[in-house]
Amino acid sequence: FIPLASVHIPPIWCIVAMMPGEFFGT
């Protein structure tokens, strides 16, 4: 997710956007 998301959104956004999915999704 992080490498491909960095094409569309800023670096900090990539990591923050991953947080809810990593926590709730698993």
mmCIF file of all heavy atoms, coordinates in Angstrom:
data_MODEL
# 
_entry.id   MODEL 
# 
loop_
_atom_site.group_PDB 
_atom_site.id 
_atom_site.type_symbol 
_atom_site.label_atom_id 
_atom_site.label_alt_id 
_atom_site.label_comp_id 
_atom_site.label_asym_id 
_atom_site.label_entity_id 
_atom_site.label_seq_id 
_atom_site.pdbx_PDB_ins_code 
_atom_site.Cartn_x 
_atom_site.Cartn_y 
_atom_site.Cartn_z 
_atom_site.occupancy 
_atom_site.B_iso_or_equiv 
_atom_site.pdbx_formal_charge 
_atom_site.auth_seq_id 
_atom_site.auth_comp_id 
_atom_site.auth_asym_id 
_atom_site.auth_atom_id 
_atom_site.pdbx_PDB_model_num 
ATOM 1   N N   . PHE A 1 1  ? 0.808   -1.220 0.000  1.00 0.00 ? 1  PHE A N   1 
ATOM 2   C CA  . PHE A 1 1  ? 0.000   0.000  0.000  1.00 0.00 ? 1  PHE A CA  1 
ATOM 3   C C   . PHE A 1 1  ? 0.843   1.273  0.000  1.00 0.00 ? 1  PHE A C   1 
ATOM 4   O O   . PHE A 1 1  ? 0.596   2.191  -0.790 1.00 0.00 ? 1  PHE A O   1 
ATOM 5   C CB  . PHE A 1 1  ? -0.933  0.021  1.214  1.00 0.00 ? 1  PHE A CB  1 
ATOM 6   C CG  . PHE A 1 1  ? -1.756  1.279  1.305  1.00 0.00 ? 1  PHE A CG  1 
ATOM 7   C CD1 . PHE A 1 1  ? -2.872  1.451  0.490  1.00 0.00 ? 1  PHE A CD1 1 
ATOM 8   C CD2 . PHE A 1 1  ? -1.427  2.295  2.180  1.00 0.00 ? 1  PHE A CD2 1 
ATOM 9   C CE1 . PHE A 1 1  ? -3.627  2.613  0.547  1.00 0.00 ? 1  PHE A CE1 1 
ATOM 10  C CE2 . PHE A 1 1  ? -2.169  3.456  2.258  1.00 0.00 ? 1  PHE A CE2 1 
ATOM 11  C CZ  . PHE A 1 1  ? -3.281  3.617  1.436  1.00 0.00 ? 1  PHE A CZ  1 
ATOM 12  N N   . ILE A 1 2  ? 1.846   1.353  0.875  1.00 0.00 ? 2  ILE A N   1 
ATOM 13  C CA  . ILE A 1 2  ? 2.598   2.607  1.040  1.00 0.00 ? 2  ILE A CA  1 
ATOM 14  C C   . ILE A 1 2  ? 3.268   3.056  -0.260 1.00 0.00 ? 2  ILE A C   1 
ATOM 15  O O   . ILE A 1 2  ? 3.117   4.217  -0.663 1.00 0.00 ? 2  ILE A O   1 
ATOM 16  C CB  . ILE A 1 2  ? 3.635   2.488  2.174  1.00 0.00 ? 2  ILE A CB  1 
ATOM 17  C CG1 . ILE A 1 2  ? 2.945   2.221  3.520  1.00 0.00 ? 2  ILE A CG1 1 
ATOM 18  C CG2 . ILE A 1 2  ? 4.486   3.756  2.255  1.00 0.00 ? 2  ILE A CG2 1 
ATOM 19  C CD1 . ILE A 1 2  ? 2.138   3.354  4.074  1.00 0.00 ? 2  ILE A CD1 1 
ATOM 20  N N   . PRO A 1 3  ? 4.029   2.190  -0.959 1.00 0.00 ? 3  PRO A N   1 
ATOM 21  C CA  . PRO A 1 3  ? 4.654   2.671  -2.204 1.00 0.00 ? 3  PRO A CA  1 
ATOM 22  C C   . PRO A 1 3  ? 3.644   3.161  -3.232 1.00 0.00 ? 3  PRO A C   1 
ATOM 23  O O   . PRO A 1 3  ? 3.824   4.235  -3.825 1.00 0.00 ? 3  PRO A O   1 
ATOM 24  C CB  . PRO A 1 3  ? 5.408   1.433  -2.707 1.00 0.00 ? 3  PRO A CB  1 
ATOM 25  C CG  . PRO A 1 3  ? 5.676   0.624  -1.491 1.00 0.00 ? 3  PRO A CG  1 
ATOM 26  C CD  . PRO A 1 3  ? 4.457   0.814  -0.632 1.00 0.00 ? 3  PRO A CD  1 
ATOM 27  N N   . LEU A 1 4  ? 2.569   2.408  -3.460 1.00 0.00 ? 4  LEU A N   1 
ATOM 28  C CA  . LEU A 1 4  ? 1.597   2.814  -4.473 1.00 0.00 ? 4  LEU A CA  1 
ATOM 29  C C   . LEU A 1 4  ? 0.769   4.013  -4.026 1.00 0.00 ? 4  LEU A C   1 
ATOM 30  O O   . LEU A 1 4  ? 0.431   4.876  -4.836 1.00 0.00 ? 4  LEU A O   1 
ATOM 31  C CB  . LEU A 1 4  ? 0.681   1.636  -4.817 1.00 0.00 ? 4  LEU A CB  1 
ATOM 32  C CG  . LEU A 1 4  ? 1.326   0.515  -5.631 1.00 0.00 ? 4  LEU A CG  1 
ATOM 33  C CD1 . LEU A 1 4  ? 0.336   -0.612 -5.857 1.00 0.00 ? 4  LEU A CD1 1 
ATOM 34  C CD2 . LEU A 1 4  ? 1.837   1.036  -6.978 1.00 0.00 ? 4  LEU A CD2 1 
ATOM 35  N N   . ALA A 1 5  ? 0.438   4.084  -2.742 1.00 0.00 ? 5  ALA A N   1 
ATOM 36  C CA  . ALA A 1 5  ? -0.330  5.230  -2.244 1.00 0.00 ? 5  ALA A CA  1 
ATOM 37  C C   . ALA A 1 5  ? 0.472   6.513  -2.349 1.00 0.00 ? 5  ALA A C   1 
ATOM 38  O O   . ALA A 1 5  ? -0.098  7.598  -2.549 1.00 0.00 ? 5  ALA A O   1 
ATOM 39  C CB  . ALA A 1 5  ? -0.746  4.987  -0.792 1.00 0.00 ? 5  ALA A CB  1 
ATOM 40  N N   . SER A 1 6  ? 1.810   6.413  -2.248 1.00 0.00 ? 6  SER A N   1 
ATOM 41  C CA  . SER A 1 6  ? 2.645   7.612  -2.305 1.00 0.00 ? 6  SER A CA  1 
ATOM 42  C C   . SER A 1 6  ? 2.604   8.281  -3.674 1.00 0.00 ? 6  SER A C   1 
ATOM 43  O O   . SER A 1 6  ? 3.022   9.428  -3.819 1.00 0.00 ? 6  SER A O   1 
ATOM 44  C CB  . SER A 1 6  ? 4.093   7.273  -1.931 1.00 0.00 ? 6  SER A CB  1 
ATOM 45  O OG  . SER A 1 6  ? 4.711   6.476  -2.936 1.00 0.00 ? 6  SER A OG  1 
ATOM 46  N N   . VAL A 1 7  ? 2.103   7.559  -4.683 1.00 0.00 ? 7  VAL A N   1 
ATOM 47  C CA  . VAL A 1 7  ? 1.925   8.151  -6.010 1.00 0.00 ? 7  VAL A CA  1 
ATOM 48  C C   . VAL A 1 7  ? 0.742   9.118  -5.998 1.00 0.00 ? 7  VAL A C   1 
ATOM 49  O O   . VAL A 1 7  ? 0.713   10.085 -6.758 1.00 0.00 ? 7  VAL A O   1 
ATOM 50  C CB  . VAL A 1 7  ? 1.697   7.044  -7.063 1.00 0.00 ? 7  VAL A CB  1 
ATOM 51  C CG1 . VAL A 1 7  ? 1.426   7.641  -8.437 1.00 0.00 ? 7  VAL A CG1 1 
ATOM 52  C CG2 . VAL A 1 7  ? 2.900   6.100  -7.111 1.00 0.00 ? 7  VAL A CG2 1 
ATOM 53  N N   . HIS A 1 8  ? -0.230  8.889  -5.106 1.00 0.00 ? 8  HIS A N   1 
ATOM 54  C CA  . HIS A 1 8  ? -1.473  9.646  -5.093 1.00 0.00 ? 8  HIS A CA  1 
ATOM 55  C C   . HIS A 1 8  ? -1.576  10.660 -3.957 1.00 0.00 ? 8  HIS A C   1 
ATOM 56  O O   . HIS A 1 8  ? -2.231  11.694 -4.112 1.00 0.00 ? 8  HIS A O   1 
ATOM 57  C CB  . HIS A 1 8  ? -2.665  8.689  -5.002 1.00 0.00 ? 8  HIS A CB  1 
ATOM 58  C CG  . HIS A 1 8  ? -2.739  7.700  -6.125 1.00 0.00 ? 8  HIS A CG  1 
ATOM 59  N ND1 . HIS A 1 8  ? -3.224  8.017  -7.373 1.00 0.00 ? 8  HIS A ND1 1 
ATOM 60  C CD2 . HIS A 1 8  ? -2.369  6.388  -6.186 1.00 0.00 ? 8  HIS A CD2 1 
ATOM 61  C CE1 . HIS A 1 8  ? -3.163  6.955  -8.155 1.00 0.00 ? 8  HIS A CE1 1 
ATOM 62  N NE2 . HIS A 1 8  ? -2.647  5.958  -7.462 1.00 0.00 ? 8  HIS A NE2 1 
ATOM 63  N N   . ILE A 1 9  ? -0.983  10.367 -2.799 1.00 0.00 ? 9  ILE A N   1 
ATOM 64  C CA  . ILE A 1 9  ? -1.141  11.231 -1.626 1.00 0.00 ? 9  ILE A CA  1 
ATOM 65  C C   . ILE A 1 9  ? 0.219   11.487 -0.971 1.00 0.00 ? 9  ILE A C   1 
ATOM 66  O O   . ILE A 1 9  ? 1.164   10.736 -1.198 1.00 0.00 ? 9  ILE A O   1 
ATOM 67  C CB  . ILE A 1 9  ? -2.119  10.601 -0.602 1.00 0.00 ? 9  ILE A CB  1 
ATOM 68  C CG1 . ILE A 1 9  ? -1.698  9.180  -0.235 1.00 0.00 ? 9  ILE A CG1 1 
ATOM 69  C CG2 . ILE A 1 9  ? -3.551  10.612 -1.142 1.00 0.00 ? 9  ILE A CG2 1 
ATOM 70  C CD1 . ILE A 1 9  ? -2.613  8.496  0.790  1.00 0.00 ? 9  ILE A CD1 1 
ATOM 71  N N   . PRO A 1 10 ? 0.335   12.544 -0.135 1.00 0.00 ? 10 PRO A N   1 
ATOM 72  C CA  . PRO A 1 10 ? 1.609   12.890 0.498  1.00 0.00 ? 10 PRO A CA  1 
ATOM 73  C C   . PRO A 1 10 ? 2.109   11.792 1.440  1.00 0.00 ? 10 PRO A C   1 
ATOM 74  O O   . PRO A 1 10 ? 1.327   10.964 1.919  1.00 0.00 ? 10 PRO A O   1 
ATOM 75  C CB  . PRO A 1 10 ? 1.281   14.168 1.283  1.00 0.00 ? 10 PRO A CB  1 
ATOM 76  C CG  . PRO A 1 10 ? 0.052   14.714 0.655  1.00 0.00 ? 10 PRO A CG  1 
ATOM 77  C CD  . PRO A 1 10 ? -0.727  13.526 0.175  1.00 0.00 ? 10 PRO A CD  1 
ATOM 78  N N   . PRO A 1 11 ? 3.430   11.784 1.731  1.00 0.00 ? 11 PRO A N   1 
ATOM 79  C CA  . PRO A 1 11 ? 4.014   10.729 2.555  1.00 0.00 ? 11 PRO A CA  1 
ATOM 80  C C   . PRO A 1 11 ? 3.330   10.522 3.902  1.00 0.00 ? 11 PRO A C   1 
ATOM 81  O O   . PRO A 1 11 ? 3.004   9.381  4.261  1.00 0.00 ? 11 PRO A O   1 
ATOM 82  C CB  . PRO A 1 11 ? 5.470   11.203 2.741  1.00 0.00 ? 11 PRO A CB  1 
ATOM 83  C CG  . PRO A 1 11 ? 5.756   11.988 1.509  1.00 0.00 ? 11 PRO A CG  1 
ATOM 84  C CD  . PRO A 1 11 ? 4.468   12.681 1.172  1.00 0.00 ? 11 PRO A CD  1 
ATOM 85  N N   . ILE A 1 12 ? 3.124   11.595 4.659  1.00 0.00 ? 12 ILE A N   1 
ATOM 86  C CA  . ILE A 1 12 ? 2.505   11.440 5.977  1.00 0.00 ? 12 ILE A CA  1 
ATOM 87  C C   . ILE A 1 12 ? 1.100   10.881 5.839  1.00 0.00 ? 12 ILE A C   1 
ATOM 88  O O   . ILE A 1 12 ? 0.664   10.034 6.629  1.00 0.00 ? 12 ILE A O   1 
ATOM 89  C CB  . ILE A 1 12 ? 2.517   12.778 6.739  1.00 0.00 ? 12 ILE A CB  1 
ATOM 90  C CG1 . ILE A 1 12 ? 3.954   13.123 7.167  1.00 0.00 ? 12 ILE A CG1 1 
ATOM 91  C CG2 . ILE A 1 12 ? 1.599   12.716 7.963  1.00 0.00 ? 12 ILE A CG2 1 
ATOM 92  C CD1 . ILE A 1 12 ? 4.095   14.450 7.877  1.00 0.00 ? 12 ILE A CD1 1 
ATOM 93  N N   . TRP A 1 13 ? 0.371   11.325 4.805  1.00 0.00 ? 13 TRP A N   1 
ATOM 94  C CA  . TRP A 1 13 ? -0.971  10.800 4.565  1.00 0.00 ? 13 TRP A CA  1 
ATOM 95  C C   . TRP A 1 13 ? -0.942  9.288  4.337  1.00 0.00 ? 13 TRP A C   1 
ATOM 96  O O   . TRP A 1 13 ? -1.839  8.570  4.772  1.00 0.00 ? 13 TRP A O   1 
ATOM 97  C CB  . TRP A 1 13 ? -1.589  11.488 3.350  1.00 0.00 ? 13 TRP A CB  1 
ATOM 98  C CG  . TRP A 1 13 ? -2.214  12.804 3.630  1.00 0.00 ? 13 TRP A CG  1 
ATOM 99  C CD1 . TRP A 1 13 ? -1.714  13.811 4.410  1.00 0.00 ? 13 TRP A CD1 1 
ATOM 100 C CD2 . TRP A 1 13 ? -3.471  13.272 3.129  1.00 0.00 ? 13 TRP A CD2 1 
ATOM 101 N NE1 . TRP A 1 13 ? -2.560  14.879 4.414  1.00 0.00 ? 13 TRP A NE1 1 
ATOM 102 C CE2 . TRP A 1 13 ? -3.642  14.575 3.635  1.00 0.00 ? 13 TRP A CE2 1 
ATOM 103 C CE3 . TRP A 1 13 ? -4.433  12.719 2.294  1.00 0.00 ? 13 TRP A CE3 1 
ATOM 104 C CZ2 . TRP A 1 13 ? -4.774  15.333 3.335  1.00 0.00 ? 13 TRP A CZ2 1 
ATOM 105 C CZ3 . TRP A 1 13 ? -5.559  13.476 1.986  1.00 0.00 ? 13 TRP A CZ3 1 
ATOM 106 C CH2 . TRP A 1 13 ? -5.725  14.765 2.511  1.00 0.00 ? 13 TRP A CH2 1 
ATOM 107 N N   . CYS A 1 14 ? 0.061   8.803  3.605  1.00 0.00 ? 14 CYS A N   1 
ATOM 108 C CA  . CYS A 1 14 ? 0.155   7.360  3.321  1.00 0.00 ? 14 CYS A CA  1 
ATOM 109 C C   . CYS A 1 14 ? 0.134   6.552  4.605  1.00 0.00 ? 14 CYS A C   1 
ATOM 110 O O   . CYS A 1 14 ? -0.574  5.545  4.719  1.00 0.00 ? 14 CYS A O   1 
ATOM 111 C CB  . CYS A 1 14 ? 1.445   7.053  2.559  1.00 0.00 ? 14 CYS A CB  1 
ATOM 112 S SG  . CYS A 1 14 ? 1.521   7.730  0.898  1.00 0.00 ? 14 CYS A SG  1 
ATOM 113 N N   . ILE A 1 15 ? 0.923   7.001  5.573  1.00 0.00 ? 15 ILE A N   1 
ATOM 114 C CA  . ILE A 1 15 ? 1.047   6.256  6.817  1.00 0.00 ? 15 ILE A CA  1 
ATOM 115 C C   . ILE A 1 15 ? -0.203  6.405  7.669  1.00 0.00 ? 15 ILE A C   1 
ATOM 116 O O   . ILE A 1 15 ? -0.718  5.430  8.223  1.00 0.00 ? 15 ILE A O   1 
ATOM 117 C CB  . ILE A 1 15 ? 2.306   6.718  7.580  1.00 0.00 ? 15 ILE A CB  1 
ATOM 118 C CG1 . ILE A 1 15 ? 3.548   6.510  6.706  1.00 0.00 ? 15 ILE A CG1 1 
ATOM 119 C CG2 . ILE A 1 15 ? 2.449   5.954  8.895  1.00 0.00 ? 15 ILE A CG2 1 
ATOM 120 C CD1 . ILE A 1 15 ? 4.819   7.074  7.299  1.00 0.00 ? 15 ILE A CD1 1 
ATOM 121 N N   . VAL A 1 16 ? -0.707  7.641  7.775  1.00 0.00 ? 16 VAL A N   1 
ATOM 122 C CA  . VAL A 1 16 ? -1.911  7.879  8.583  1.00 0.00 ? 16 VAL A CA  1 
ATOM 123 C C   . VAL A 1 16 ? -3.102  7.127  7.991  1.00 0.00 ? 16 VAL A C   1 
ATOM 124 O O   . VAL A 1 16 ? -3.904  6.528  8.719  1.00 0.00 ? 16 VAL A O   1 
ATOM 125 C CB  . VAL A 1 16 ? -2.214  9.384  8.686  1.00 0.00 ? 16 VAL A CB  1 
ATOM 126 C CG1 . VAL A 1 16 ? -3.541  9.622  9.404  1.00 0.00 ? 16 VAL A CG1 1 
ATOM 127 C CG2 . VAL A 1 16 ? -1.084  10.107 9.420  1.00 0.00 ? 16 VAL A CG2 1 
ATOM 128 N N   . ALA A 1 17 ? -3.222  7.132  6.659  1.00 0.00 ? 17 ALA A N   1 
ATOM 129 C CA  . ALA A 1 17 ? -4.350  6.452  6.006  1.00 0.00 ? 17 ALA A CA  1 
ATOM 130 C C   . ALA A 1 17 ? -4.298  4.940  6.197  1.00 0.00 ? 17 ALA A C   1 
ATOM 131 O O   . ALA A 1 17 ? -5.325  4.267  6.135  1.00 0.00 ? 17 ALA A O   1 
ATOM 132 C CB  . ALA A 1 17 ? -4.371  6.786  4.515  1.00 0.00 ? 17 ALA A CB  1 
ATOM 133 N N   . MET A 1 18 ? -3.114  4.419  6.446  1.00 0.00 ? 18 MET A N   1 
ATOM 134 C CA  . MET A 1 18 ? -2.966  2.972  6.645  1.00 0.00 ? 18 MET A CA  1 
ATOM 135 C C   . MET A 1 18 ? -3.379  2.545  8.052  1.00 0.00 ? 18 MET A C   1 
ATOM 136 O O   . MET A 1 18 ? -3.737  1.384  8.279  1.00 0.00 ? 18 MET A O   1 
ATOM 137 C CB  . MET A 1 18 ? -1.507  2.585  6.392  1.00 0.00 ? 18 MET A CB  1 
ATOM 138 C CG  . MET A 1 18 ? -1.220  1.101  6.325  1.00 0.00 ? 18 MET A CG  1 
ATOM 139 S SD  . MET A 1 18 ? -1.772  0.386  4.765  1.00 0.00 ? 18 MET A SD  1 
ATOM 140 C CE  . MET A 1 18 ? -1.428  -1.339 5.035  1.00 0.00 ? 18 MET A CE  1 
ATOM 141 N N   . MET A 1 19 ? -3.338  3.483  9.003  1.00 0.00 ? 19 MET A N   1 
ATOM 142 C CA  . MET A 1 19 ? -3.537  3.124  10.407 1.00 0.00 ? 19 MET A CA  1 
ATOM 143 C C   . MET A 1 19 ? -4.885  2.470  10.699 1.00 0.00 ? 19 MET A C   1 
ATOM 144 O O   . MET A 1 19 ? -4.930  1.385  11.302 1.00 0.00 ? 19 MET A O   1 
ATOM 145 C CB  . MET A 1 19 ? -3.357  4.361  11.290 1.00 0.00 ? 19 MET A CB  1 
ATOM 146 C CG  . MET A 1 19 ? -1.953  4.872  11.391 1.00 0.00 ? 19 MET A CG  1 
ATOM 147 S SD  . MET A 1 19 ? -1.887  6.336  12.460 1.00 0.00 ? 19 MET A SD  1 
ATOM 148 C CE  . MET A 1 19 ? -0.186  6.839  12.214 1.00 0.00 ? 19 MET A CE  1 
ATOM 149 N N   . PRO A 1 20 ? -6.022  3.089  10.321 1.00 0.00 ? 20 PRO A N   1 
ATOM 150 C CA  . PRO A 1 20 ? -7.307  2.467  10.678 1.00 0.00 ? 20 PRO A CA  1 
ATOM 151 C C   . PRO A 1 20 ? -7.484  1.082  10.068 1.00 0.00 ? 20 PRO A C   1 
ATOM 152 O O   . PRO A 1 20 ? -7.966  0.161  10.738 1.00 0.00 ? 20 PRO A O   1 
ATOM 153 C CB  . PRO A 1 20 ? -8.343  3.456  10.119 1.00 0.00 ? 20 PRO A CB  1 
ATOM 154 C CG  . PRO A 1 20 ? -7.620  4.765  10.027 1.00 0.00 ? 20 PRO A CG  1 
ATOM 155 C CD  . PRO A 1 20 ? -6.226  4.401  9.662  1.00 0.00 ? 20 PRO A CD  1 
ATOM 156 N N   . GLY A 1 21 ? -7.088  0.928  8.801  1.00 0.00 ? 21 GLY A N   1 
ATOM 157 C CA  . GLY A 1 21 ? -7.231  -0.373 8.157  1.00 0.00 ? 21 GLY A CA  1 
ATOM 158 C C   . GLY A 1 21 ? -6.383  -1.435 8.826  1.00 0.00 ? 21 GLY A C   1 
ATOM 159 O O   . GLY A 1 21 ? -6.834  -2.571 9.032  1.00 0.00 ? 21 GLY A O   1 
ATOM 160 N N   . GLU A 1 22 ? -5.137  -1.099 9.161  1.00 0.00 ? 22 GLU A N   1 
ATOM 161 C CA  . GLU A 1 22 ? -4.252  -2.061 9.813  1.00 0.00 ? 22 GLU A CA  1 
ATOM 162 C C   . GLU A 1 22 ? -4.809  -2.484 11.163 1.00 0.00 ? 22 GLU A C   1 
ATOM 163 O O   . GLU A 1 22 ? -4.700  -3.650 11.557 1.00 0.00 ? 22 GLU A O   1 
ATOM 164 C CB  . GLU A 1 22 ? -2.848  -1.455 9.994  1.00 0.00 ? 22 GLU A CB  1 
ATOM 165 C CG  . GLU A 1 22 ? -2.023  -1.391 8.730  1.00 0.00 ? 22 GLU A CG  1 
ATOM 166 C CD  . GLU A 1 22 ? -1.344  -2.707 8.432  1.00 0.00 ? 22 GLU A CD  1 
ATOM 167 O OE1 . GLU A 1 22 ? -1.940  -3.769 8.727  1.00 0.00 ? 22 GLU A OE1 1 
ATOM 168 O OE2 . GLU A 1 22 ? -0.235  -2.692 7.908  1.00 0.00 ? 22 GLU A OE2 1 
ATOM 169 N N   . PHE A 1 23 ? -5.425  -1.524 11.875 1.00 0.00 ? 23 PHE A N   1 
ATOM 170 C CA  . PHE A 1 23 ? -5.936  -1.851 13.211 1.00 0.00 ? 23 PHE A CA  1 
ATOM 171 C C   . PHE A 1 23 ? -7.272  -2.589 13.147 1.00 0.00 ? 23 PHE A C   1 
ATOM 172 O O   . PHE A 1 23 ? -7.404  -3.715 13.616 1.00 0.00 ? 23 PHE A O   1 
ATOM 173 C CB  . PHE A 1 23 ? -6.084  -0.578 14.044 1.00 0.00 ? 23 PHE A CB  1 
ATOM 174 C CG  . PHE A 1 23 ? -6.552  -0.847 15.443 1.00 0.00 ? 23 PHE A CG  1 
ATOM 175 C CD1 . PHE A 1 23 ? -5.693  -1.392 16.382 1.00 0.00 ? 23 PHE A CD1 1 
ATOM 176 C CD2 . PHE A 1 23 ? -7.855  -0.559 15.830 1.00 0.00 ? 23 PHE A CD2 1 
ATOM 177 C CE1 . PHE A 1 23 ? -6.123  -1.658 17.674 1.00 0.00 ? 23 PHE A CE1 1 
ATOM 178 C CE2 . PHE A 1 23 ? -8.297  -0.815 17.111 1.00 0.00 ? 23 PHE A CE2 1 
ATOM 179 C CZ  . PHE A 1 23 ? -7.429  -1.365 18.041 1.00 0.00 ? 23 PHE A CZ  1 
ATOM 180 N N   . PHE A 1 24 ? -8.271  -1.963 12.524 1.00 0.00 ? 24 PHE A N   1 
ATOM 181 C CA  . PHE A 1 24 ? -9.608  -2.557 12.502 1.00 0.00 ? 24 PHE A CA  1 
ATOM 182 C C   . PHE A 1 24 ? -9.712  -3.735 11.532 1.00 0.00 ? 24 PHE A C   1 
ATOM 183 O O   . PHE A 1 24 ? -10.427 -4.704 11.794 1.00 0.00 ? 24 PHE A O   1 
ATOM 184 C CB  . PHE A 1 24 ? -10.652 -1.495 12.126 1.00 0.00 ? 24 PHE A CB  1 
ATOM 185 C CG  . PHE A 1 24 ? -10.815 -0.421 13.166 1.00 0.00 ? 24 PHE A CG  1 
ATOM 186 C CD1 . PHE A 1 24 ? -10.365 0.864  12.913 1.00 0.00 ? 24 PHE A CD1 1 
ATOM 187 C CD2 . PHE A 1 24 ? -11.395 -0.699 14.391 1.00 0.00 ? 24 PHE A CD2 1 
ATOM 188 C CE1 . PHE A 1 24 ? -10.507 1.867  13.865 1.00 0.00 ? 24 PHE A CE1 1 
ATOM 189 C CE2 . PHE A 1 24 ? -11.533 0.283  15.353 1.00 0.00 ? 24 PHE A CE2 1 
ATOM 190 C CZ  . PHE A 1 24 ? -11.089 1.572  15.098 1.00 0.00 ? 24 PHE A CZ  1 
ATOM 191 N N   . GLY A 1 25 ? -9.010  -3.632 10.398 1.00 0.00 ? 25 GLY A N   1 
ATOM 192 C CA  . GLY A 1 25 ? -9.124  -4.676 9.385  1.00 0.00 ? 25 GLY A CA  1 
ATOM 193 C C   . GLY A 1 25 ? -8.559  -6.005 9.818  1.00 0.00 ? 25 GLY A C   1 
ATOM 194 O O   . GLY A 1 25 ? -8.945  -7.054 9.297  1.00 0.00 ? 25 GLY A O   1 
ATOM 195 N N   . THR A 1 26 ? -7.632  -5.990 10.780 1.00 0.00 ? 26 THR A N   1 
ATOM 196 C CA  . THR A 1 26 ? -7.017  -7.248 11.209 1.00 0.00 ? 26 THR A CA  1 
ATOM 197 C C   . THR A 1 26 ? -7.558  -7.743 12.550 1.00 0.00 ? 26 THR A C   1 
ATOM 198 O O   . THR A 1 26 ? -7.161  -8.822 13.001 1.00 0.00 ? 26 THR A O   1 
ATOM 199 C CB  . THR A 1 26 ? -5.485  -7.089 11.312 1.00 0.00 ? 26 THR A CB  1 
ATOM 200 O OG1 . THR A 1 26 ? -5.190  -6.011 12.206 1.00 0.00 ? 26 THR A OG1 1 
ATOM 201 C CG2 . THR A 1 26 ? -4.877  -6.795 9.961  1.00 0.00 ? 26 THR A CG2 1 
# 
